[in-house]
């Protein structure tokens, strides 16, 4: 769990940076849920070249529960961002230190 006193700061960060996404998985079907998107440079693979990107979404435990989700996010769950792009969860990570799930995603290919 977050350090005492950090909970309010974490909630403030989410209130500023979170966007609504639609989540399918964990008992949810296209359910709106607040998530903070991160799009960072990924580590180089086999030297230099075109830059790779790493995208993730952070969903607070409280938002996950409030949306009525069952269980935990899982690999192959789907997330639709504000622009309508669909992403597949490839690595859900429980981050108790920030009271949130960090979901590594990749572009969905049906």
C-alpha atoms as a PDB file:
ATOM      1  CA  UNK A   1       0.000   0.000   0.000  1.00  0.00           C
ATOM      2  CA  UNK A   2       1.101   3.598  -0.488  1.00  0.00           C
ATOM      3  CA  UNK A   3       2.993   5.355   2.270  1.00  0.00           C
ATOM      4  CA  UNK A   4       0.544   7.012   4.682  1.00  0.00           C
ATOM      5  CA  UNK A   5      -0.433  10.432   3.341  1.00  0.00           C
ATOM      6  CA  UNK A   6       0.365   9.567  -0.280  1.00  0.00           C
ATOM      7  CA  UNK A   7      -3.134   8.320  -1.095  1.00  0.00           C
ATOM      8  CA  UNK A   8      -4.472  11.871  -1.553  1.00  0.00           C
ATOM      9  CA  UNK A   9      -1.521  12.826  -3.766  1.00  0.00           C
ATOM     10  CA  UNK A  10      -2.019   9.726  -5.938  1.00  0.00           C
ATOM     11  CA  UNK A  11      -5.728  10.561  -6.284  1.00  0.00           C
ATOM     12  CA  UNK A  12      -4.828  14.129  -7.322  1.00  0.00           C
ATOM     13  CA  UNK A  13      -2.438  12.867 -10.000  1.00  0.00           C
ATOM     14  CA  UNK A  14      -5.102  10.575 -11.409  1.00  0.00           C
ATOM     15  CA  UNK A  15      -7.719  13.335 -11.379  1.00  0.00           C
ATOM     16  CA  UNK A  16      -5.452  15.478 -13.572  1.00  0.00           C
ATOM     17  CA  UNK A  17      -3.997  12.867 -15.948  1.00  0.00           C
ATOM     18  CA  UNK A  18      -6.571  10.065 -16.173  1.00  0.00           C
ATOM     19  CA  UNK A  19      -8.649   9.607 -19.285  1.00  0.00           C
ATOM     20  CA  UNK A  20     -11.703   7.443 -19.705  1.00  0.00           C
ATOM     21  CA  UNK A  21     -11.044   4.116 -21.392  1.00  0.00           C
ATOM     22  CA  UNK A  22     -13.389   1.229 -22.127  1.00  0.00           C
ATOM     23  CA  UNK A  23     -12.318  -2.029 -20.534  1.00  0.00           C
ATOM     24  CA  UNK A  24     -13.336  -5.559 -21.471  1.00  0.00           C
ATOM     25  CA  UNK A  25     -12.210  -8.297 -19.094  1.00  0.00           C
ATOM     26  CA  UNK A  26     -12.500  -9.043 -15.399  1.00  0.00           C
ATOM     27  CA  UNK A  27     -16.254  -9.370 -15.786  1.00  0.00           C
ATOM     28  CA  UNK A  28     -16.503  -6.011 -17.590  1.00  0.00           C
ATOM     29  CA  UNK A  29     -17.681  -5.409 -21.163  1.00  0.00           C
ATOM     30  CA  UNK A  30     -16.766  -1.994 -22.593  1.00  0.00           C
ATOM     31  CA  UNK A  31     -17.030  -0.488 -19.107  1.00  0.00           C
ATOM     32  CA  UNK A  32     -15.776   3.094 -18.701  1.00  0.00           C
ATOM     33  CA  UNK A  33     -12.885   3.321 -16.253  1.00  0.00           C
ATOM     34  CA  UNK A  34     -10.303   6.027 -15.509  1.00  0.00           C
ATOM     35  CA  UNK A  35      -6.719   5.235 -16.527  1.00  0.00           C
ATOM     36  CA  UNK A  36      -3.455   7.143 -16.878  1.00  0.00           C
ATOM     37  CA  UNK A  37      -1.700   6.402 -20.175  1.00  0.00           C
ATOM     38  CA  UNK A  38       2.088   6.168 -20.431  1.00  0.00           C
ATOM     39  CA  UNK A  39       3.902   5.999 -23.756  1.00  0.00           C
ATOM     40  CA  UNK A  40       7.642   5.686 -23.222  1.00  0.00           C
ATOM     41  CA  UNK A  41      10.714   4.693 -25.182  1.00  0.00           C
ATOM     42  CA  UNK A  42      11.326   0.966 -24.842  1.00  0.00           C
ATOM     43  CA  UNK A  43      14.768  -0.477 -24.285  1.00  0.00           C
ATOM     44  CA  UNK A  44      16.845  -0.900 -27.447  1.00  0.00           C
ATOM     45  CA  UNK A  45      16.756  -4.378 -28.891  1.00  0.00           C
ATOM     46  CA  UNK A  46      19.960  -5.559 -30.531  1.00  0.00           C
ATOM     47  CA  UNK A  47      21.502  -2.117 -30.867  1.00  0.00           C
ATOM     48  CA  UNK A  48      20.283   1.102 -32.376  1.00  0.00           C
ATOM     49  CA  UNK A  49      17.646   1.511 -35.017  1.00  0.00           C
ATOM     50  CA  UNK A  50      14.076   2.619 -35.109  1.00  0.00           C
ATOM     51  CA  UNK A  51      12.900   3.546 -31.651  1.00  0.00           C
ATOM     52  CA  UNK A  52      10.512   1.154 -29.990  1.00  0.00           C
ATOM     53  CA  UNK A  53       7.689   2.387 -27.780  1.00  0.00           C
ATOM     54  CA  UNK A  54       6.246   0.891 -24.607  1.00  0.00           C
ATOM     55  CA  UNK A  55       2.626   1.741 -23.788  1.00  0.00           C
ATOM     56  CA  UNK A  56       0.892   1.104 -20.490  1.00  0.00           C
ATOM     57  CA  UNK A  57      -2.211   2.171 -18.614  1.00  0.00           C
ATOM     58  CA  UNK A  58      -2.419   2.677 -14.861  1.00  0.00           C
ATOM     59  CA  UNK A  59      -5.781   1.887 -13.256  1.00  0.00           C
ATOM     60  CA  UNK A  60      -6.228   2.546  -9.551  1.00  0.00           C
ATOM     61  CA  UNK A  61      -7.501  -0.351  -7.462  1.00  0.00           C
ATOM     62  CA  UNK A  62     -10.412   1.845  -6.285  1.00  0.00           C
ATOM     63  CA  UNK A  63     -11.459   2.609  -9.892  1.00  0.00           C
ATOM     64  CA  UNK A  64     -11.212  -1.079 -10.816  1.00  0.00           C
ATOM     65  CA  UNK A  65     -13.491  -2.054  -7.923  1.00  0.00           C
ATOM     66  CA  UNK A  66     -15.900   0.870  -8.498  1.00  0.00           C
ATOM     67  CA  UNK A  67     -16.372  -0.245 -12.119  1.00  0.00           C
ATOM     68  CA  UNK A  68     -17.653  -3.598 -10.824  1.00  0.00           C
ATOM     69  CA  UNK A  69     -14.693  -5.636 -12.029  1.00  0.00           C
ATOM     70  CA  UNK A  70     -14.306  -9.191 -10.810  1.00  0.00           C
ATOM     71  CA  UNK A  71     -10.897 -10.618 -10.000  1.00  0.00           C
ATOM     72  CA  UNK A  72      -7.839  -8.992 -11.519  1.00  0.00           C
ATOM     73  CA  UNK A  73      -6.870  -7.693 -14.963  1.00  0.00           C
ATOM     74  CA  UNK A  74      -5.526 -10.521 -17.106  1.00  0.00           C
ATOM     75  CA  UNK A  75      -3.454 -11.053 -20.205  1.00  0.00           C
ATOM     76  CA  UNK A  76      -5.589 -10.686 -23.376  1.00  0.00           C
ATOM     77  CA  UNK A  77      -8.124  -8.321 -21.763  1.00  0.00           C
ATOM     78  CA  UNK A  78      -9.009  -5.428 -24.100  1.00  0.00           C
ATOM     79  CA  UNK A  79      -8.828  -1.682 -23.551  1.00  0.00           C
ATOM     80  CA  UNK A  80     -10.159   0.996 -25.936  1.00  0.00           C
ATOM     81  CA  UNK A  81      -8.566   4.439 -25.529  1.00  0.00           C
ATOM     82  CA  UNK A  82     -10.148   7.880 -25.992  1.00  0.00           C
ATOM     83  CA  UNK A  83      -9.150   7.924 -29.686  1.00  0.00           C
ATOM     84  CA  UNK A  84     -10.848   4.572 -30.323  1.00  0.00           C
ATOM     85  CA  UNK A  85      -7.643   2.509 -30.616  1.00  0.00           C
ATOM     86  CA  UNK A  86      -7.964  -0.980 -29.143  1.00  0.00           C
ATOM     87  CA  UNK A  87      -5.140  -2.454 -27.042  1.00  0.00           C
ATOM     88  CA  UNK A  88      -4.526  -5.969 -25.695  1.00  0.00           C
ATOM     89  CA  UNK A  89      -3.162  -6.393 -22.175  1.00  0.00           C
ATOM     90  CA  UNK A  90       0.100  -8.326 -22.412  1.00  0.00           C
ATOM     91  CA  UNK A  91       1.382  -7.932 -18.845  1.00  0.00           C
ATOM     92  CA  UNK A  92      -0.819  -6.852 -15.925  1.00  0.00           C
ATOM     93  CA  UNK A  93       1.295  -5.816 -12.923  1.00  0.00           C
ATOM     94  CA  UNK A  94      -0.143  -5.264  -9.449  1.00  0.00           C
ATOM     95  CA  UNK A  95       1.573  -2.205  -7.915  1.00  0.00           C
ATOM     96  CA  UNK A  96       0.555  -2.117  -4.263  1.00  0.00           C
ATOM     97  CA  UNK A  97       3.005   0.729  -3.644  1.00  0.00           C
ATOM     98  CA  UNK A  98       0.835   3.059  -5.766  1.00  0.00           C
ATOM     99  CA  UNK A  99      -2.494   1.229  -5.222  1.00  0.00           C
ATOM    100  CA  UNK A 100      -2.896   0.577  -8.943  1.00  0.00           C
ATOM    101  CA  UNK A 101      -2.629  -1.915 -11.757  1.00  0.00           C
ATOM    102  CA  UNK A 102      -0.062  -1.091 -14.434  1.00  0.00           C
ATOM    103  CA  UNK A 103      -1.165  -2.773 -17.642  1.00  0.00           C
ATOM    104  CA  UNK A 104       1.431  -3.168 -20.382  1.00  0.00           C
ATOM    105  CA  UNK A 105      -0.410  -3.279 -23.717  1.00  0.00           C
ATOM    106  CA  UNK A 106       0.138  -3.816 -27.402  1.00  0.00           C
ATOM    107  CA  UNK A 107      -1.996  -2.883 -30.371  1.00  0.00           C
ATOM    108  CA  UNK A 108      -4.932  -5.281 -30.754  1.00  0.00           C
ATOM    109  CA  UNK A 109      -4.918  -7.490 -33.831  1.00  0.00           C
ATOM    110  CA  UNK A 110      -8.207  -9.410 -34.269  1.00  0.00           C
END
